[in-house]
PDB file of N, CA and C in Angstrom:
ATOM      1  N   MET A   1      -0.074   4.297  72.116  1.00  0.00           N
ATOM      2  CA  MET A   1       0.465   3.724  70.919  1.00  0.00           C
ATOM      3  C   MET A   1       0.083   2.246  70.854  1.00  0.00           C
ATOM      4  N   LYS A   2      -0.555   1.858  69.792  1.00  0.00           N
ATOM      5  CA  LYS A   2      -1.029   0.493  69.640  1.00  0.00           C
ATOM      6  C   LYS A   2      -0.185  -0.226  68.596  1.00  0.00           C
ATOM      7  N   LEU A   3       0.235  -1.454  68.940  1.00  0.00           N
ATOM      8  CA  LEU A   3       1.016  -2.243  67.994  1.00  0.00           C
ATOM      9  C   LEU A   3       0.083  -2.888  66.976  1.00  0.00           C
ATOM     10  N   GLU A   4       0.433  -2.804  65.743  1.00  0.00           N
ATOM     11  CA  GLU A   4      -0.357  -3.433  64.699  1.00  0.00           C
ATOM     12  C   GLU A   4       0.525  -4.425  63.945  1.00  0.00           C
ATOM     13  N   TYR A   5       0.017  -5.633  63.824  1.00  0.00           N
ATOM     14  CA  TYR A   5       0.757  -6.677  63.129  1.00  0.00           C
ATOM     15  C   TYR A   5       0.231  -6.809  61.709  1.00  0.00           C
ATOM     16  N   PRO A   6       1.101  -6.927  60.725  1.00  0.00           N
ATOM     17  CA  PRO A   6       0.634  -7.105  59.355  1.00  0.00           C
ATOM     18  C   PRO A   6      -0.020  -8.473  59.162  1.00  0.00           C
ATOM     19  N   GLU A   7       0.355  -9.438  59.952  1.00  0.00           N
ATOM     20  CA  GLU A   7      -0.263 -10.765  59.911  1.00  0.00           C
ATOM     21  C   GLU A   7      -0.306 -11.303  61.328  1.00  0.00           C
ATOM     22  N   LYS A   8      -0.850 -12.490  61.504  1.00  0.00           N
ATOM     23  CA  LYS A   8      -0.931 -13.062  62.847  1.00  0.00           C
ATOM     24  C   LYS A   8       0.468 -13.246  63.432  1.00  0.00           C
ATOM     25  N   PRO A   9       0.637 -12.969  64.712  1.00  0.00           N
ATOM     26  CA  PRO A   9       1.936 -13.206  65.326  1.00  0.00           C
ATOM     27  C   PRO A   9       2.251 -14.702  65.361  1.00  0.00           C
ATOM     28  N   ARG A  10       3.524 -15.050  65.271  1.00  0.00           N
ATOM     29  CA  ARG A  10       3.931 -16.451  65.209  1.00  0.00           C
ATOM     30  C   ARG A  10       3.776 -17.158  66.546  1.00  0.00           C
ATOM     31  N   TYR A  11       3.719 -16.458  67.637  1.00  0.00           N
ATOM     32  CA  TYR A  11       3.622 -17.091  68.945  1.00  0.00           C
ATOM     33  C   TYR A  11       2.183 -17.402  69.343  1.00  0.00           C
ATOM     34  N   ASN A  12       1.254 -17.235  68.438  1.00  0.00           N
ATOM     35  CA  ASN A  12      -0.134 -17.533  68.736  1.00  0.00           C
ATOM     36  C   ASN A  12      -0.295 -19.044  68.922  1.00  0.00           C
ATOM     37  N   ALA A  13      -0.876 -19.461  70.016  1.00  0.00           N
ATOM     38  CA  ALA A  13      -0.918 -20.875  70.351  1.00  0.00           C
ATOM     39  C   ALA A  13      -2.211 -21.553  69.907  1.00  0.00           C
ATOM     40  N   HIS A  14      -2.996 -20.932  69.066  1.00  0.00           N
ATOM     41  CA  HIS A  14      -4.233 -21.551  68.613  1.00  0.00           C
ATOM     42  C   HIS A  14      -3.923 -22.652  67.606  1.00  0.00           C
ATOM     43  N   LEU A  15      -4.555 -23.813  67.777  1.00  0.00           N
ATOM     44  CA  LEU A  15      -4.330 -24.938  66.868  1.00  0.00           C
ATOM     45  C   LEU A  15      -5.349 -24.961  65.739  1.00  0.00           C
ATOM     46  N   GLU A  16      -5.986 -23.846  65.492  1.00  0.00           N
ATOM     47  CA  GLU A  16      -7.025 -23.811  64.477  1.00  0.00           C
ATOM     48  C   GLU A  16      -6.504 -23.378  63.116  1.00  0.00           C
ATOM     49  N   SER A  17      -5.222 -23.122  63.007  1.00  0.00           N
ATOM     50  CA  SER A  17      -4.676 -22.719  61.720  1.00  0.00           C
ATOM     51  C   SER A  17      -4.522 -23.937  60.816  1.00  0.00           C
ATOM     52  N   ILE A  18      -4.402 -23.714  59.557  1.00  0.00           N
ATOM     53  CA  ILE A  18      -4.342 -24.786  58.568  1.00  0.00           C
ATOM     54  C   ILE A  18      -3.091 -25.635  58.740  1.00  0.00           C
ATOM     55  N   SER A  19      -1.990 -25.058  59.141  1.00  0.00           N
ATOM     56  CA  SER A  19      -0.734 -25.796  59.224  1.00  0.00           C
ATOM     57  C   SER A  19      -0.731 -26.857  60.322  1.00  0.00           C
ATOM     58  N   PHE A  20      -1.656 -26.803  61.279  1.00  0.00           N
ATOM     59  CA  PHE A  20      -1.668 -27.774  62.365  1.00  0.00           C
ATOM     60  C   PHE A  20      -2.721 -28.855  62.185  1.00  0.00           C
ATOM     61  N   ARG A  21      -3.430 -28.899  61.092  1.00  0.00           N
ATOM     62  CA  ARG A  21      -4.450 -29.935  60.912  1.00  0.00           C
ATOM     63  C   ARG A  21      -3.843 -31.320  60.843  1.00  0.00           C
ATOM     64  N   TRP A  22      -2.675 -31.445  60.218  1.00  0.00           N
ATOM     65  CA  TRP A  22      -2.050 -32.763  60.113  1.00  0.00           C
ATOM     66  C   TRP A  22      -1.598 -33.270  61.466  1.00  0.00           C
ATOM     67  N   VAL A  23      -1.273 -32.358  62.400  1.00  0.00           N
ATOM     68  CA  VAL A  23      -0.865 -32.795  63.732  1.00  0.00           C
ATOM     69  C   VAL A  23      -2.042 -33.426  64.456  1.00  0.00           C
ATOM     70  N   LYS A  24      -3.204 -32.807  64.358  1.00  0.00           N
ATOM     71  CA  LYS A  24      -4.399 -33.367  64.994  1.00  0.00           C
ATOM     72  C   LYS A  24      -4.726 -34.734  64.411  1.00  0.00           C
ATOM     73  N   ALA A  25      -4.646 -34.863  63.102  1.00  0.00           N
ATOM     74  CA  ALA A  25      -4.956 -36.133  62.456  1.00  0.00           C
ATOM     75  C   ALA A  25      -3.933 -37.200  62.831  1.00  0.00           C
ATOM     76  N   ALA A  26      -2.669 -36.831  62.870  1.00  0.00           N
ATOM     77  CA  ALA A  26      -1.625 -37.803  63.214  1.00  0.00           C
ATOM     78  C   ALA A  26      -1.766 -38.260  64.660  1.00  0.00           C
ATOM     79  N   MET A  27      -2.105 -37.370  65.550  1.00  0.00           N
ATOM     80  CA  MET A  27      -2.275 -37.765  66.937  1.00  0.00           C
ATOM     81  C   MET A  27      -3.458 -38.703  67.084  1.00  0.00           C
ATOM     82  N   GLY A  28      -4.518 -38.460  66.360  1.00  0.00           N
ATOM     83  CA  GLY A  28      -5.665 -39.355  66.423  1.00  0.00           C
ATOM     84  C   GLY A  28      -5.311 -40.737  65.923  1.00  0.00           C
ATOM     85  N   LYS A  29      -4.587 -40.817  64.812  1.00  0.00           N
ATOM     86  CA  LYS A  29      -4.183 -42.116  64.271  1.00  0.00           C
ATOM     87  C   LYS A  29      -3.198 -42.805  65.196  1.00  0.00           C
ATOM     88  N   THR A  30      -2.292 -42.036  65.771  1.00  0.00           N
ATOM     89  CA  THR A  30      -1.300 -42.621  66.676  1.00  0.00           C
ATOM     90  C   THR A  30      -1.975 -43.211  67.906  1.00  0.00           C
ATOM     91  N   GLU A  31      -2.929 -42.496  68.463  1.00  0.00           N
ATOM     92  CA  GLU A  31      -3.632 -43.015  69.634  1.00  0.00           C
ATOM     93  C   GLU A  31      -4.383 -44.289  69.306  1.00  0.00           C
ATOM     94  N   ILE A  32      -5.000 -44.340  68.145  1.00  0.00           N
ATOM     95  CA  ILE A  32      -5.736 -45.545  67.738  1.00  0.00           C
ATOM     96  C   ILE A  32      -4.773 -46.714  67.568  1.00  0.00           C
ATOM     97  N   ILE A  33      -3.636 -46.480  66.922  1.00  0.00           N
ATOM     98  CA  ILE A  33      -2.665 -47.555  66.702  1.00  0.00           C
ATOM     99  C   ILE A  33      -2.089 -48.047  68.025  1.00  0.00           C
ATOM    100  N   LEU A  34      -1.737 -47.132  68.932  1.00  0.00           N
ATOM    101  CA  LEU A  34      -1.193 -47.538  70.223  1.00  0.00           C
ATOM    102  C   LEU A  34      -2.221 -48.292  71.053  1.00  0.00           C
ATOM    103  N   THR A  35      -3.463 -47.864  71.025  1.00  0.00           N
ATOM    104  CA  THR A  35      -4.518 -48.577  71.736  1.00  0.00           C
ATOM    105  C   THR A  35      -4.698 -49.976  71.167  1.00  0.00           C
ATOM    106  N   PHE A  36      -4.649 -50.104  69.849  1.00  0.00           N
ATOM    107  CA  PHE A  36      -4.778 -51.402  69.198  1.00  0.00           C
ATOM    108  C   PHE A  36      -3.612 -52.322  69.582  1.00  0.00           C
ATOM    109  N   ILE A  37      -2.398 -51.791  69.625  1.00  0.00           N
ATOM    110  CA  ILE A  37      -1.234 -52.599  70.014  1.00  0.00           C
ATOM    111  C   ILE A  37      -1.348 -53.060  71.464  1.00  0.00           C
ATOM    112  N   ILE A  38      -1.783 -52.182  72.344  1.00  0.00           N
ATOM    113  CA  ILE A  38      -1.933 -52.547  73.757  1.00  0.00           C
ATOM    114  C   ILE A  38      -2.996 -53.628  73.919  1.00  0.00           C
ATOM    115  N   LEU A  39      -4.117 -53.492  73.204  1.00  0.00           N
ATOM    116  CA  LEU A  39      -5.153 -54.520  73.282  1.00  0.00           C
ATOM    117  C   LEU A  39      -4.659 -55.860  72.758  1.00  0.00           C
ATOM    118  N   LEU A  40      -3.886 -55.848  71.679  1.00  0.00           N
ATOM    119  CA  LEU A  40      -3.319 -57.097  71.160  1.00  0.00           C
ATOM    120  C   LEU A  40      -2.381 -57.752  72.172  1.00  0.00           C
ATOM    121  N   LEU A  41      -1.555 -56.948  72.840  1.00  0.00           N
ATOM    122  CA  LEU A  41      -0.662 -57.504  73.846  1.00  0.00           C
ATOM    123  C   LEU A  41      -1.430 -58.109  75.018  1.00  0.00           C
ATOM    124  N   ILE A  42      -2.496 -57.456  75.441  1.00  0.00           N
ATOM    125  CA  ILE A  42      -3.299 -57.981  76.549  1.00  0.00           C
ATOM    126  C   ILE A  42      -3.980 -59.282  76.136  1.00  0.00           C
ATOM    127  N   ILE A  43      -4.561 -59.319  74.930  1.00  0.00           N
ATOM    128  CA  ILE A  43      -5.228 -60.537  74.451  1.00  0.00           C
ATOM    129  C   ILE A  43      -4.219 -61.674  74.310  1.00  0.00           C
ATOM    130  N   PHE A  44      -3.036 -61.389  73.737  1.00  0.00           N
ATOM    131  CA  PHE A  44      -2.014 -62.416  73.610  1.00  0.00           C
ATOM    132  C   PHE A  44      -1.564 -62.909  74.976  1.00  0.00           C
ATOM    133  N   GLY A  45      -1.430 -62.009  75.939  1.00  0.00           N
ATOM    134  CA  GLY A  45      -1.031 -62.409  77.292  1.00  0.00           C
ATOM    135  C   GLY A  45      -2.049 -63.334  77.936  1.00  0.00           C
ATOM    136  N   PHE A  46      -3.337 -62.999  77.816  1.00  0.00           N
ATOM    137  CA  PHE A  46      -4.369 -63.881  78.365  1.00  0.00           C
ATOM    138  C   PHE A  46      -4.369 -65.236  77.672  1.00  0.00           C
ATOM    139  N   TRP A  47      -4.224 -65.251  76.350  1.00  0.00           N
ATOM    140  CA  TRP A  47      -4.175 -66.522  75.629  1.00  0.00           C
ATOM    141  C   TRP A  47      -2.968 -67.339  76.072  1.00  0.00           C
ATOM    142  N   PHE A  48      -1.823 -66.676  76.198  1.00  0.00           N
ATOM    143  CA  PHE A  48      -0.592 -67.362  76.561  1.00  0.00           C
ATOM    144  C   PHE A  48      -0.708 -67.996  77.947  1.00  0.00           C
ATOM    145  N   ILE A  49      -1.338 -67.298  78.870  1.00  0.00           N
ATOM    146  CA  ILE A  49      -1.453 -67.815  80.235  1.00  0.00           C
ATOM    147  C   ILE A  49      -2.479 -68.941  80.309  1.00  0.00           C
ATOM    148  N   PHE A  50      -3.652 -68.739  79.709  1.00  0.00           N
ATOM    149  CA  PHE A  50      -4.735 -69.696  79.886  1.00  0.00           C
ATOM    150  C   PHE A  50      -4.730 -70.843  78.884  1.00  0.00           C
ATOM    151  N   SER A  51      -3.879 -70.811  77.871  1.00  0.00           N
ATOM    152  CA  SER A  51      -3.865 -71.900  76.893  1.00  0.00           C
ATOM    153  C   SER A  51      -2.947 -73.035  77.305  1.00  0.00           C
ATOM    154  N   GLY A  52      -2.122 -72.826  78.284  1.00  0.00           N
ATOM    155  CA  GLY A  52      -1.187 -73.860  78.701  1.00  0.00           C
ATOM    156  C   GLY A  52       0.169 -73.720  78.032  1.00  0.00           C
ATOM    157  N   GLU A  53       0.325 -72.788  77.125  1.00  0.00           N
ATOM    158  CA  GLU A  53       1.611 -72.589  76.450  1.00  0.00           C
ATOM    159  C   GLU A  53       2.672 -72.074  77.426  1.00  0.00           C
ATOM    160  N   ILE A  54       2.238 -71.485  78.504  1.00  0.00           N
ATOM    161  CA  ILE A  54       3.204 -70.952  79.457  1.00  0.00           C
ATOM    162  C   ILE A  54       4.043 -72.063  80.070  1.00  0.00           C
ATOM    163  N   TRP A  55       3.482 -73.281  80.178  1.00  0.00           N
ATOM    164  CA  TRP A  55       4.231 -74.372  80.793  1.00  0.00           C
ATOM    165  C   TRP A  55       5.382 -74.840  79.905  1.00  0.00           C
ATOM    166  N   TYR A  56       5.239 -74.699  78.581  1.00  0.00           N
ATOM    167  CA  TYR A  56       6.361 -75.000  77.691  1.00  0.00           C
ATOM    168  C   TYR A  56       7.494 -73.999  77.910  1.00  0.00           C
ATOM    169  N   LEU A  57       7.144 -72.754  78.121  1.00  0.00           N
ATOM    170  CA  LEU A  57       8.150 -71.738  78.404  1.00  0.00           C
ATOM    171  C   LEU A  57       8.812 -72.005  79.753  1.00  0.00           C
ATOM    172  N   VAL A  58       8.017 -72.354  80.752  1.00  0.00           N
ATOM    173  CA  VAL A  58       8.572 -72.653  82.079  1.00  0.00           C
ATOM    174  C   VAL A  58       9.508 -73.853  81.990  1.00  0.00           C
ATOM    175  N   GLU A  59       9.103 -74.885  81.238  1.00  0.00           N
ATOM    176  CA  GLU A  59       9.948 -76.065  81.076  1.00  0.00           C
ATOM    177  C   GLU A  59      11.266 -75.715  80.379  1.00  0.00           C
ATOM    178  N   PHE A  60      11.192 -74.907  79.333  1.00  0.00           N
ATOM    179  CA  PHE A  60      12.404 -74.489  78.625  1.00  0.00           C
ATOM    180  C   PHE A  60      13.336 -73.699  79.541  1.00  0.00           C
ATOM    181  N   LEU A  61      12.777 -72.760  80.294  1.00  0.00           N
ATOM    182  CA  LEU A  61      13.608 -71.952  81.193  1.00  0.00           C
ATOM    183  C   LEU A  61      14.211 -72.799  82.310  1.00  0.00           C
ATOM    184  N   GLU A  62      13.437 -73.743  82.826  1.00  0.00           N
ATOM    185  CA  GLU A  62      13.945 -74.602  83.886  1.00  0.00           C
ATOM    186  C   GLU A  62      15.071 -75.488  83.370  1.00  0.00           C
ATOM    187  N   ASN A  63      14.908 -76.035  82.167  1.00  0.00           N
ATOM    188  CA  ASN A  63      15.952 -76.880  81.596  1.00  0.00           C
ATOM    189  C   ASN A  63      17.192 -76.080  81.225  1.00  0.00           C
ATOM    190  N   SER A  64      17.023 -74.817  80.866  1.00  0.00           N
ATOM    191  CA  SER A  64      18.199 -74.011  80.548  1.00  0.00           C
ATOM    192  C   SER A  64      18.925 -73.552  81.812  1.00  0.00           C
ATOM    193  N   LEU A  65      18.194 -73.391  82.908  1.00  0.00           N
ATOM    194  CA  LEU A  65      18.822 -72.996  84.163  1.00  0.00           C
ATOM    195  C   LEU A  65      19.458 -74.181  84.880  1.00  0.00           C
ATOM    196  N   TYR A  66      18.767 -75.315  84.863  1.00  0.00           N
ATOM    197  CA  TYR A  66      19.234 -76.492  85.581  1.00  0.00           C
ATOM    198  C   TYR A  66      19.314 -77.664  84.596  1.00  0.00           C
ATOM    199  N   PRO A  67      20.357 -77.699  83.763  1.00  0.00           N
ATOM    200  CA  PRO A  67      20.452 -78.804  82.802  1.00  0.00           C
ATOM    201  C   PRO A  67      20.792 -80.112  83.502  1.00  0.00           C
ATOM    202  N   THR A  68      20.412 -81.196  82.869  1.00  0.00           N
ATOM    203  CA  THR A  68      20.728 -82.514  83.440  1.00  0.00           C
ATOM    204  C   THR A  68      22.107 -82.951  82.951  1.00  0.00           C
ATOM    205  N   PHE A  69      22.781 -83.654  83.784  1.00  0.00           N
ATOM    206  CA  PHE A  69      24.095 -84.192  83.438  1.00  0.00           C
ATOM    207  C   PHE A  69      23.981 -85.698  83.339  1.00  0.00           C
ATOM    208  N   ASP A  70      24.373 -86.226  82.213  1.00  0.00           N
ATOM    209  CA  ASP A  70      24.339 -87.681  82.013  1.00  0.00           C
ATOM    210  C   ASP A  70      25.691 -88.268  82.416  1.00  0.00           C
ATOM    211  N   ALA A  71      25.630 -89.325  83.205  1.00  0.00           N
ATOM    212  CA  ALA A  71      26.860 -90.008  83.604  1.00  0.00           C
ATOM    213  C   ALA A  71      27.379 -90.861  82.465  1.00  0.00           C
ATOM    214  N   LEU A  72      28.675 -90.826  82.260  1.00  0.00           N
ATOM    215  CA  LEU A  72      29.233 -91.612  81.165  1.00  0.00           C
ATOM    216  C   LEU A  72      29.507 -93.002  81.575  1.00  0.00           C
TER     217      LEU A  72
END
């Protein structure tokens, strides 16, 4: 006895059906956007370290941790 399906079974895992095309496209766009964000963060990090701006941050953090007290 052979089972015959009137249409494709729903548990078929092939991604070649029409309903999954948007998933492939969205994943491609998502990967591109995430890669672009990561590259921007790396470039900003290198600029921040090598431009000397990091010392302003260090100075701010040091002054907030160890404030000076003025004698009255």
